[in-house]
PDB file of N, CA and C in Angstrom:
ATOM      1  N   MET A   1      12.659   6.026 -13.530  1.00  0.00           N
ATOM      2  CA  MET A   1      11.185   5.480 -13.239  1.00  0.00           C
ATOM      3  C   MET A   1      10.906   3.997 -13.838  1.00  0.00           C
ATOM      4  N   ALA A   2      10.426   3.070 -13.152  1.00  0.00           N
ATOM      5  CA  ALA A   2       9.959   1.755 -13.129  1.00  0.00           C
ATOM      6  C   ALA A   2       8.887   1.372 -13.851  1.00  0.00           C
ATOM      7  N   SER A   3       8.795   0.675 -14.779  1.00  0.00           N
ATOM      8  CA  SER A   3       7.820   0.305 -15.652  1.00  0.00           C
ATOM      9  C   SER A   3       6.875  -0.431 -14.688  1.00  0.00           C
ATOM     10  N   PRO A   4       5.583  -0.229 -14.678  1.00  0.00           N
ATOM     11  CA  PRO A   4       4.469  -1.017 -14.078  1.00  0.00           C
ATOM     12  C   PRO A   4       4.617  -2.574 -14.434  1.00  0.00           C
ATOM     13  N   ASP A   5       5.263  -2.843 -15.747  1.00  0.00           N
ATOM     14  CA  ASP A   5       5.454  -4.609 -16.015  1.00  0.00           C
ATOM     15  C   ASP A   5       6.686  -4.935 -15.338  1.00  0.00           C
ATOM     16  N   SER A   6       7.535  -4.236 -14.763  1.00  0.00           N
ATOM     17  CA  SER A   6       8.727  -4.491 -14.222  1.00  0.00           C
ATOM     18  C   SER A   6       8.724  -4.918 -12.613  1.00  0.00           C
ATOM     19  N   ASP A   7       9.729  -5.731 -12.481  1.00  0.00           N
ATOM     20  CA  ASP A   7       9.730  -5.820 -10.781  1.00  0.00           C
ATOM     21  C   ASP A   7      10.798  -4.728 -10.222  1.00  0.00           C
ATOM     22  N   VAL A   8      11.257  -3.752 -10.881  1.00  0.00           N
ATOM     23  CA  VAL A   8      11.976  -2.926 -10.283  1.00  0.00           C
ATOM     24  C   VAL A   8      11.236  -2.160  -9.036  1.00  0.00           C
ATOM     25  N   GLY A   9      10.164  -1.597  -9.669  1.00  0.00           N
ATOM     26  CA  GLY A   9       9.237  -0.585  -8.528  1.00  0.00           C
ATOM     27  C   GLY A   9       8.909  -1.403  -7.595  1.00  0.00           C
ATOM     28  N   ARG A  10       8.648  -2.964  -7.373  1.00  0.00           N
ATOM     29  CA  ARG A  10       8.097  -3.492  -6.178  1.00  0.00           C
ATOM     30  C   ARG A  10       9.325  -3.538  -5.600  1.00  0.00           C
ATOM     31  N   ASP A  11      10.335  -4.261  -6.019  1.00  0.00           N
ATOM     32  CA  ASP A  11      11.354  -4.471  -5.285  1.00  0.00           C
ATOM     33  C   ASP A  11      11.844  -3.103  -4.208  1.00  0.00           C
ATOM     34  N   ALA A  12      11.780  -2.101  -4.749  1.00  0.00           N
ATOM     35  CA  ALA A  12      12.524  -0.773  -4.408  1.00  0.00           C
ATOM     36  C   ALA A  12      11.431  -0.361  -3.067  1.00  0.00           C
ATOM     37  N   VAL A  13       9.841  -0.981  -3.407  1.00  0.00           N
ATOM     38  CA  VAL A  13       9.090  -0.750  -1.931  1.00  0.00           C
ATOM     39  C   VAL A  13       9.812  -1.841  -0.966  1.00  0.00           C
ATOM     40  N   VAL A  14       9.735  -3.281  -1.453  1.00  0.00           N
ATOM     41  CA  VAL A  14       9.923  -3.983  -0.781  1.00  0.00           C
ATOM     42  C   VAL A  14      11.129  -3.665   0.257  1.00  0.00           C
ATOM     43  N   ALA A  15      12.396  -3.375  -0.311  1.00  0.00           N
ATOM     44  CA  ALA A  15      13.464  -2.480  -0.193  1.00  0.00           C
ATOM     45  C   ALA A  15      13.510  -1.479   1.197  1.00  0.00           C
ATOM     46  N   ALA A  16      12.514  -0.715   0.658  1.00  0.00           N
ATOM     47  CA  ALA A  16      11.894   0.488   1.738  1.00  0.00           C
ATOM     48  C   ALA A  16      11.239  -0.122   2.858  1.00  0.00           C
ATOM     49  N   LEU A  17      10.694  -1.412   2.616  1.00  0.00           N
ATOM     50  CA  LEU A  17      10.241  -1.574   3.635  1.00  0.00           C
ATOM     51  C   LEU A  17      10.629  -2.158   4.679  1.00  0.00           C
ATOM     52  N   ARG A  18      11.225  -3.105   3.923  1.00  0.00           N
ATOM     53  CA  ARG A  18      12.248  -3.800   5.083  1.00  0.00           C
ATOM     54  C   ARG A  18      13.318  -2.786   5.724  1.00  0.00           C
ATOM     55  N   ARG A  19      13.896  -1.979   5.291  1.00  0.00           N
ATOM     56  CA  ARG A  19      14.904  -0.737   6.085  1.00  0.00           C
ATOM     57  C   ARG A  19      14.189  -0.312   6.924  1.00  0.00           C
ATOM     58  N   SER A  20      13.125   0.029   6.456  1.00  0.00           N
ATOM     59  CA  SER A  20      12.072   0.633   7.886  1.00  0.00           C
ATOM     60  C   SER A  20      11.953  -0.098   9.010  1.00  0.00           C
ATOM     61  N   GLY A  21      12.143  -1.448   8.998  1.00  0.00           N
ATOM     62  CA  GLY A  21      12.175  -2.518  10.259  1.00  0.00           C
ATOM     63  C   GLY A  21      10.949  -3.499  10.182  1.00  0.00           C
ATOM     64  N   LEU A  22      10.562  -3.257   8.821  1.00  0.00           N
ATOM     65  CA  LEU A  22       9.040  -4.291   8.723  1.00  0.00           C
ATOM     66  C   LEU A  22       9.851  -5.754   8.620  1.00  0.00           C
ATOM     67  N   SER A  23       9.413  -6.640   9.156  1.00  0.00           N
ATOM     68  CA  SER A  23       9.905  -8.401   8.522  1.00  0.00           C
ATOM     69  C   SER A  23       8.521  -8.938   8.880  1.00  0.00           C
ATOM     70  N   ASN A  24       8.884 -10.301   8.342  1.00  0.00           N
ATOM     71  CA  ASN A  24       7.954 -11.710   8.303  1.00  0.00           C
ATOM     72  C   ASN A  24       7.406 -11.602   9.724  1.00  0.00           C
ATOM     73  N   GLY A  25       5.641 -11.573   9.849  1.00  0.00           N
ATOM     74  CA  GLY A  25       4.625 -11.844  10.761  1.00  0.00           C
ATOM     75  C   GLY A  25       4.493 -10.870  11.467  1.00  0.00           C
ATOM     76  N   ASP A  26       5.127  -9.367  10.928  1.00  0.00           N
ATOM     77  CA  ASP A  26       4.607  -8.411  11.820  1.00  0.00           C
ATOM     78  C   ASP A  26       3.285  -7.745  11.588  1.00  0.00           C
ATOM     79  N   LEU A  27       2.527  -7.039  12.574  1.00  0.00           N
ATOM     80  CA  LEU A  27       1.525  -6.239  12.344  1.00  0.00           C
ATOM     81  C   LEU A  27       1.721  -4.872  12.060  1.00  0.00           C
ATOM     82  N   VAL A  28       1.119  -4.715  10.894  1.00  0.00           N
ATOM     83  CA  VAL A  28       1.341  -2.915  10.306  1.00  0.00           C
ATOM     84  C   VAL A  28       0.079  -2.273  10.115  1.00  0.00           C
ATOM     85  N   LEU A  29      -0.059  -1.186  10.883  1.00  0.00           N
ATOM     86  CA  LEU A  29      -1.421  -0.239  10.244  1.00  0.00           C
ATOM     87  C   LEU A  29      -0.667   0.736   9.609  1.00  0.00           C
ATOM     88  N   VAL A  30      -1.638   0.897   8.187  1.00  0.00           N
ATOM     89  CA  VAL A  30      -1.070   1.752   7.171  1.00  0.00           C
ATOM     90  C   VAL A  30      -1.708   2.573   6.898  1.00  0.00           C
ATOM     91  N   HIS A  31      -1.682   4.073   6.698  1.00  0.00           N
ATOM     92  CA  HIS A  31      -2.539   5.363   6.090  1.00  0.00           C
ATOM     93  C   HIS A  31      -1.475   6.105   5.524  1.00  0.00           C
ATOM     94  N   SER A  32      -1.764   6.098   4.366  1.00  0.00           N
ATOM     95  CA  SER A  32      -0.525   6.558   3.564  1.00  0.00           C
ATOM     96  C   SER A  32      -1.356   7.362   2.573  1.00  0.00           C
ATOM     97  N   ASP A  33      -0.397   8.105   1.608  1.00  0.00           N
ATOM     98  CA  ASP A  33      -0.550   8.502   0.243  1.00  0.00           C
ATOM     99  C   ASP A  33      -0.158   7.648  -1.144  1.00  0.00           C
ATOM    100  N   ALA A  34      -0.852   6.709  -1.306  1.00  0.00           N
ATOM    101  CA  ALA A  34      -0.433   5.858  -2.722  1.00  0.00           C
ATOM    102  C   ALA A  34       0.256   6.658  -3.505  1.00  0.00           C
ATOM    103  N   SER A  35      -0.099   7.696  -3.976  1.00  0.00           N
ATOM    104  CA  SER A  35       0.442   8.891  -4.773  1.00  0.00           C
ATOM    105  C   SER A  35       1.789   8.326  -4.796  1.00  0.00           C
ATOM    106  N   VAL A  36       2.655   8.383  -4.043  1.00  0.00           N
ATOM    107  CA  VAL A  36       4.274   8.135  -3.905  1.00  0.00           C
ATOM    108  C   VAL A  36       4.443   7.033  -5.199  1.00  0.00           C
ATOM    109  N   VAL A  37       3.602   6.008  -4.674  1.00  0.00           N
ATOM    110  CA  VAL A  37       3.947   4.934  -5.773  1.00  0.00           C
ATOM    111  C   VAL A  37       3.527   5.044  -6.955  1.00  0.00           C
ATOM    112  N   LEU A  38       2.617   5.619  -7.586  1.00  0.00           N
ATOM    113  CA  LEU A  38       2.203   6.253  -8.931  1.00  0.00           C
ATOM    114  C   LEU A  38       3.692   6.900  -9.678  1.00  0.00           C
ATOM    115  N   ARG A  39       3.991   8.104  -8.796  1.00  0.00           N
ATOM    116  CA  ARG A  39       5.275   8.369  -9.014  1.00  0.00           C
ATOM    117  C   ARG A  39       6.442   7.540  -9.621  1.00  0.00           C
ATOM    118  N   LEU A  40       6.892   6.635  -8.411  1.00  0.00           N
ATOM    119  CA  LEU A  40       7.711   5.472  -8.304  1.00  0.00           C
ATOM    120  C   LEU A  40       7.299   4.694  -9.978  1.00  0.00           C
ATOM    121  N   LEU A  41       6.031   4.299 -10.098  1.00  0.00           N
ATOM    122  CA  LEU A  41       6.197   3.763 -11.239  1.00  0.00           C
ATOM    123  C   LEU A  41       5.819   4.655 -12.931  1.00  0.00           C
ATOM    124  N   GLY A  42       5.926   6.057 -12.292  1.00  0.00           N
ATOM    125  CA  GLY A  42       5.561   6.405 -13.596  1.00  0.00           C
ATOM    126  C   GLY A  42       4.213   6.486 -14.688  1.00  0.00           C
ATOM    127  N   THR A  43       2.997   6.070 -13.711  1.00  0.00           N
ATOM    128  CA  THR A  43       1.795   6.073 -14.161  1.00  0.00           C
ATOM    129  C   THR A  43       0.906   7.039 -13.297  1.00  0.00           C
ATOM    130  N   GLU A  44      -0.388   6.940 -13.956  1.00  0.00           N
ATOM    131  CA  GLU A  44      -1.461   7.164 -13.916  1.00  0.00           C
ATOM    132  C   GLU A  44      -2.505   6.483 -13.501  1.00  0.00           C
ATOM    133  N   ASN A  45      -1.980   4.997 -13.130  1.00  0.00           N
ATOM    134  CA  ASN A  45      -3.452   4.091 -13.035  1.00  0.00           C
ATOM    135  C   ASN A  45      -2.650   3.559 -11.681  1.00  0.00           C
ATOM    136  N   TRP A  46      -4.119   4.074 -10.757  1.00  0.00           N
ATOM    137  CA  TRP A  46      -4.260   3.669  -9.280  1.00  0.00           C
ATOM    138  C   TRP A  46      -4.083   1.835  -9.095  1.00  0.00           C
ATOM    139  N   ASN A  47      -4.786   1.175 -10.180  1.00  0.00           N
ATOM    140  CA  ASN A  47      -5.010  -0.129  -9.917  1.00  0.00           C
ATOM    141  C   ASN A  47      -3.629  -0.789  -9.602  1.00  0.00           C
ATOM    142  N   GLU A  48      -2.524  -0.176 -10.979  1.00  0.00           N
ATOM    143  CA  GLU A  48      -1.269  -0.681 -10.767  1.00  0.00           C
ATOM    144  C   GLU A  48      -0.541  -0.348  -9.549  1.00  0.00           C
ATOM    145  N   ALA A  49      -0.496   1.296  -9.167  1.00  0.00           N
ATOM    146  CA  ALA A  49       0.062   1.588  -7.766  1.00  0.00           C
ATOM    147  C   ALA A  49      -0.323   0.400  -6.727  1.00  0.00           C
ATOM    148  N   LEU A  50      -1.803   0.314  -6.510  1.00  0.00           N
ATOM    149  CA  LEU A  50      -2.045  -0.243  -5.706  1.00  0.00           C
ATOM    150  C   LEU A  50      -1.924  -1.607  -5.355  1.00  0.00           C
ATOM    151  N   ASP A  51      -1.972  -2.124  -6.495  1.00  0.00           N
ATOM    152  CA  ASP A  51      -1.325  -3.645  -6.679  1.00  0.00           C
ATOM    153  C   ASP A  51       0.152  -3.692  -6.199  1.00  0.00           C
ATOM    154  N   LEU A  52       0.876  -3.061  -6.665  1.00  0.00           N
ATOM    155  CA  LEU A  52       2.322  -3.108  -6.555  1.00  0.00           C
ATOM    156  C   LEU A  52       2.146  -2.599  -5.109  1.00  0.00           C
ATOM    157  N   THR A  53       1.754  -1.912  -4.318  1.00  0.00           N
ATOM    158  CA  THR A  53       1.864  -1.643  -2.730  1.00  0.00           C
ATOM    159  C   THR A  53       1.388  -2.886  -2.135  1.00  0.00           C
ATOM    160  N   TRP A  54       0.248  -3.580  -2.371  1.00  0.00           N
ATOM    161  CA  TRP A  54      -0.054  -4.697  -1.802  1.00  0.00           C
ATOM    162  C   TRP A  54       0.625  -5.820  -1.897  1.00  0.00           C
ATOM    163  N   GLN A  55       1.495  -6.121  -3.094  1.00  0.00           N
ATOM    164  CA  GLN A  55       2.350  -7.000  -3.276  1.00  0.00           C
ATOM    165  C   GLN A  55       3.850  -6.923  -2.455  1.00  0.00           C
ATOM    166  N   ALA A  56       4.120  -5.857  -2.636  1.00  0.00           N
ATOM    167  CA  ALA A  56       5.273  -5.403  -1.419  1.00  0.00           C
ATOM    168  C   ALA A  56       5.105  -5.509  -0.013  1.00  0.00           C
ATOM    169  N   PHE A  57       3.918  -5.374   0.476  1.00  0.00           N
ATOM    170  CA  PHE A  57       3.345  -5.788   1.955  1.00  0.00           C
ATOM    171  C   PHE A  57       3.757  -6.863   2.016  1.00  0.00           C
ATOM    172  N   ASP A  58       2.732  -7.594   1.232  1.00  0.00           N
ATOM    173  CA  ASP A  58       2.779  -9.258   1.239  1.00  0.00           C
ATOM    174  C   ASP A  58       4.074  -9.874   1.264  1.00  0.00           C
ATOM    175  N   ALA A  59       5.392  -9.683   0.434  1.00  0.00           N
ATOM    176  CA  ALA A  59       6.175 -10.058   0.062  1.00  0.00           C
ATOM    177  C   ALA A  59       6.867  -9.849   1.430  1.00  0.00           C
ATOM    178  N   VAL A  60       6.808  -8.620   2.213  1.00  0.00           N
ATOM    179  CA  VAL A  60       7.393  -8.482   3.393  1.00  0.00           C
ATOM    180  C   VAL A  60       6.913  -9.117   4.637  1.00  0.00           C
ATOM    181  N   LEU A  61       5.452  -8.946   4.722  1.00  0.00           N
ATOM    182  CA  LEU A  61       5.002  -9.290   6.204  1.00  0.00           C
ATOM    183  C   LEU A  61       4.737 -10.973   6.138  1.00  0.00           C
ATOM    184  N   GLY A  62       4.676 -11.392   4.993  1.00  0.00           N
ATOM    185  CA  GLY A  62       4.282 -12.958   4.545  1.00  0.00           C
ATOM    186  C   GLY A  62       3.010 -13.449   5.289  1.00  0.00           C
ATOM    187  N   SER A  63       2.497 -14.879   5.064  1.00  0.00           N
ATOM    188  CA  SER A  63       1.804 -15.345   5.559  1.00  0.00           C
ATOM    189  C   SER A  63       1.090 -15.291   7.058  1.00  0.00           C
ATOM    190  N   LYS A  64       1.983 -14.845   7.814  1.00  0.00           N
ATOM    191  CA  LYS A  64       1.730 -14.737   8.992  1.00  0.00           C
ATOM    192  C   LYS A  64       1.586 -13.334   9.822  1.00  0.00           C
ATOM    193  N   GLY A  65       1.888 -12.180   8.538  1.00  0.00           N
ATOM    194  CA  GLY A  65       1.795 -10.939   8.909  1.00  0.00           C
ATOM    195  C   GLY A  65       0.325 -10.521   9.001  1.00  0.00           C
ATOM    196  N   THR A  66       0.267  -9.307   9.498  1.00  0.00           N
ATOM    197  CA  THR A  66      -1.099  -9.073   9.143  1.00  0.00           C
ATOM    198  C   THR A  66      -1.107  -7.384   9.013  1.00  0.00           C
ATOM    199  N   LEU A  67      -1.775  -6.646   7.757  1.00  0.00           N
ATOM    200  CA  LEU A  67      -1.706  -5.709   7.443  1.00  0.00           C
ATOM    201  C   LEU A  67      -2.891  -4.774   7.684  1.00  0.00           C
ATOM    202  N   VAL A  68      -3.001  -3.373   8.102  1.00  0.00           N
ATOM    203  CA  VAL A  68      -4.830  -3.020   8.540  1.00  0.00           C
ATOM    204  C   VAL A  68      -4.537  -1.966   7.776  1.00  0.00           C
ATOM    205  N   VAL A  69      -5.575  -1.462   7.003  1.00  0.00           N
ATOM    206  CA  VAL A  69      -5.547  -0.594   6.052  1.00  0.00           C
ATOM    207  C   VAL A  69      -6.928   0.145   6.436  1.00  0.00           C
ATOM    208  N   PRO A  70      -6.883   1.521   7.124  1.00  0.00           N
ATOM    209  CA  PRO A  70      -8.643   1.639   7.025  1.00  0.00           C
ATOM    210  C   PRO A  70      -8.821   2.157   6.525  1.00  0.00           C
ATOM    211  N   THR A  71     -10.194   2.057   5.788  1.00  0.00           N
ATOM    212  CA  THR A  71     -11.151   2.836   4.698  1.00  0.00           C
ATOM    213  C   THR A  71     -11.846   3.862   5.416  1.00  0.00           C
ATOM    214  N   PHE A  72     -12.195   4.714   4.586  1.00  0.00           N
ATOM    215  CA  PHE A  72     -13.303   5.646   4.854  1.00  0.00           C
ATOM    216  C   PHE A  72     -13.817   6.426   3.251  1.00  0.00           C
ATOM    217  N   ASN A  73     -15.170   7.185   3.491  1.00  0.00           N
ATOM    218  CA  ASN A  73     -15.133   7.893   2.526  1.00  0.00           C
ATOM    219  C   ASN A  73     -15.640   9.430   2.879  1.00  0.00           C
ATOM    220  N   TRP A  74     -15.674   9.855   2.312  1.00  0.00           N
ATOM    221  CA  TRP A  74     -15.804  11.908   2.797  1.00  0.00           C
ATOM    222  C   TRP A  74     -17.315  12.090   3.390  1.00  0.00           C
ATOM    223  N   ASP A  75     -18.086  10.838   3.253  1.00  0.00           N
ATOM    224  CA  ASP A  75     -19.751  11.232   3.836  1.00  0.00           C
ATOM    225  C   ASP A  75     -19.306  12.344   5.406  1.00  0.00           C
ATOM    226  N   PHE A  76     -18.616  11.747   5.993  1.00  0.00           N
ATOM    227  CA  PHE A  76     -18.432  12.436   7.346  1.00  0.00           C
ATOM    228  C   PHE A  76     -18.536  14.022   7.136  1.00  0.00           C
ATOM    229  N   CYS A  77     -17.546  14.504   6.198  1.00  0.00           N
ATOM    230  CA  CYS A  77     -17.374  15.704   5.556  1.00  0.00           C
ATOM    231  C   CYS A  77     -18.566  16.431   5.677  1.00  0.00           C
ATOM    232  N   ARG A  78     -19.817  16.019   5.215  1.00  0.00           N
ATOM    233  CA  ARG A  78     -21.437  16.386   5.012  1.00  0.00           C
ATOM    234  C   ARG A  78     -22.187  15.952   6.477  1.00  0.00           C
ATOM    235  N   GLY A  79     -21.277  15.452   7.227  1.00  0.00           N
ATOM    236  CA  GLY A  79     -22.202  15.125   7.979  1.00  0.00           C
ATOM    237  C   GLY A  79     -23.334  13.595   8.428  1.00  0.00           C
ATOM    238  N   VAL A  80     -22.737  12.947   7.656  1.00  0.00           N
ATOM    239  CA  VAL A  80     -23.385  11.780   7.179  1.00  0.00           C
ATOM    240  C   VAL A  80     -23.138  10.763   8.142  1.00  0.00           C
ATOM    241  N   PRO A  81     -23.899  10.155   9.273  1.00  0.00           N
ATOM    242  CA  PRO A  81     -23.147   9.390  10.314  1.00  0.00           C
ATOM    243  C   PRO A  81     -22.682   7.785   9.254  1.00  0.00           C
ATOM    244  N   TYR A  82     -21.916   7.395  10.241  1.00  0.00           N
ATOM    245  CA  TYR A  82     -21.152   5.709   9.663  1.00  0.00           C
ATOM    246  C   TYR A  82     -22.264   5.019   9.748  1.00  0.00           C
ATOM    247  N   ASP A  83     -22.793   4.202   8.859  1.00  0.00           N
ATOM    248  CA  ASP A  83     -23.591   3.245   8.827  1.00  0.00           C
ATOM    249  C   ASP A  83     -22.590   1.819   8.241  1.00  0.00           C
ATOM    250  N   ALA A  84     -22.519   0.980   9.475  1.00  0.00           N
ATOM    251  CA  ALA A  84     -21.582  -0.492   9.536  1.00  0.00           C
ATOM    252  C   ALA A  84     -22.779  -1.421   8.680  1.00  0.00           C
ATOM    253  N   ALA A  85     -23.719  -0.966   8.803  1.00  0.00           N
ATOM    254  CA  ALA A  85     -24.438  -2.065   8.007  1.00  0.00           C
ATOM    255  C   ALA A  85     -24.607  -1.994   6.250  1.00  0.00           C
TER     256      ALA A  85
END
């Protein structure tokens, strides 16, 4: 497993993203389970995992790429309507 303070984990994610066909300037919609990165790093620190994920996508997509990440909470499970305000 990669150490959170090394580039090994980041490099592995970057390589996987490139193998999947992503490249500079692409538009990508991501909806995934970031716990995979937790296991790759061998950590339980969500901030480290999410930071590594962001760095990897940034390295692959570059400044002209677009990363779309849907965000939501679980209020809809309780019937609470979404309020964009």
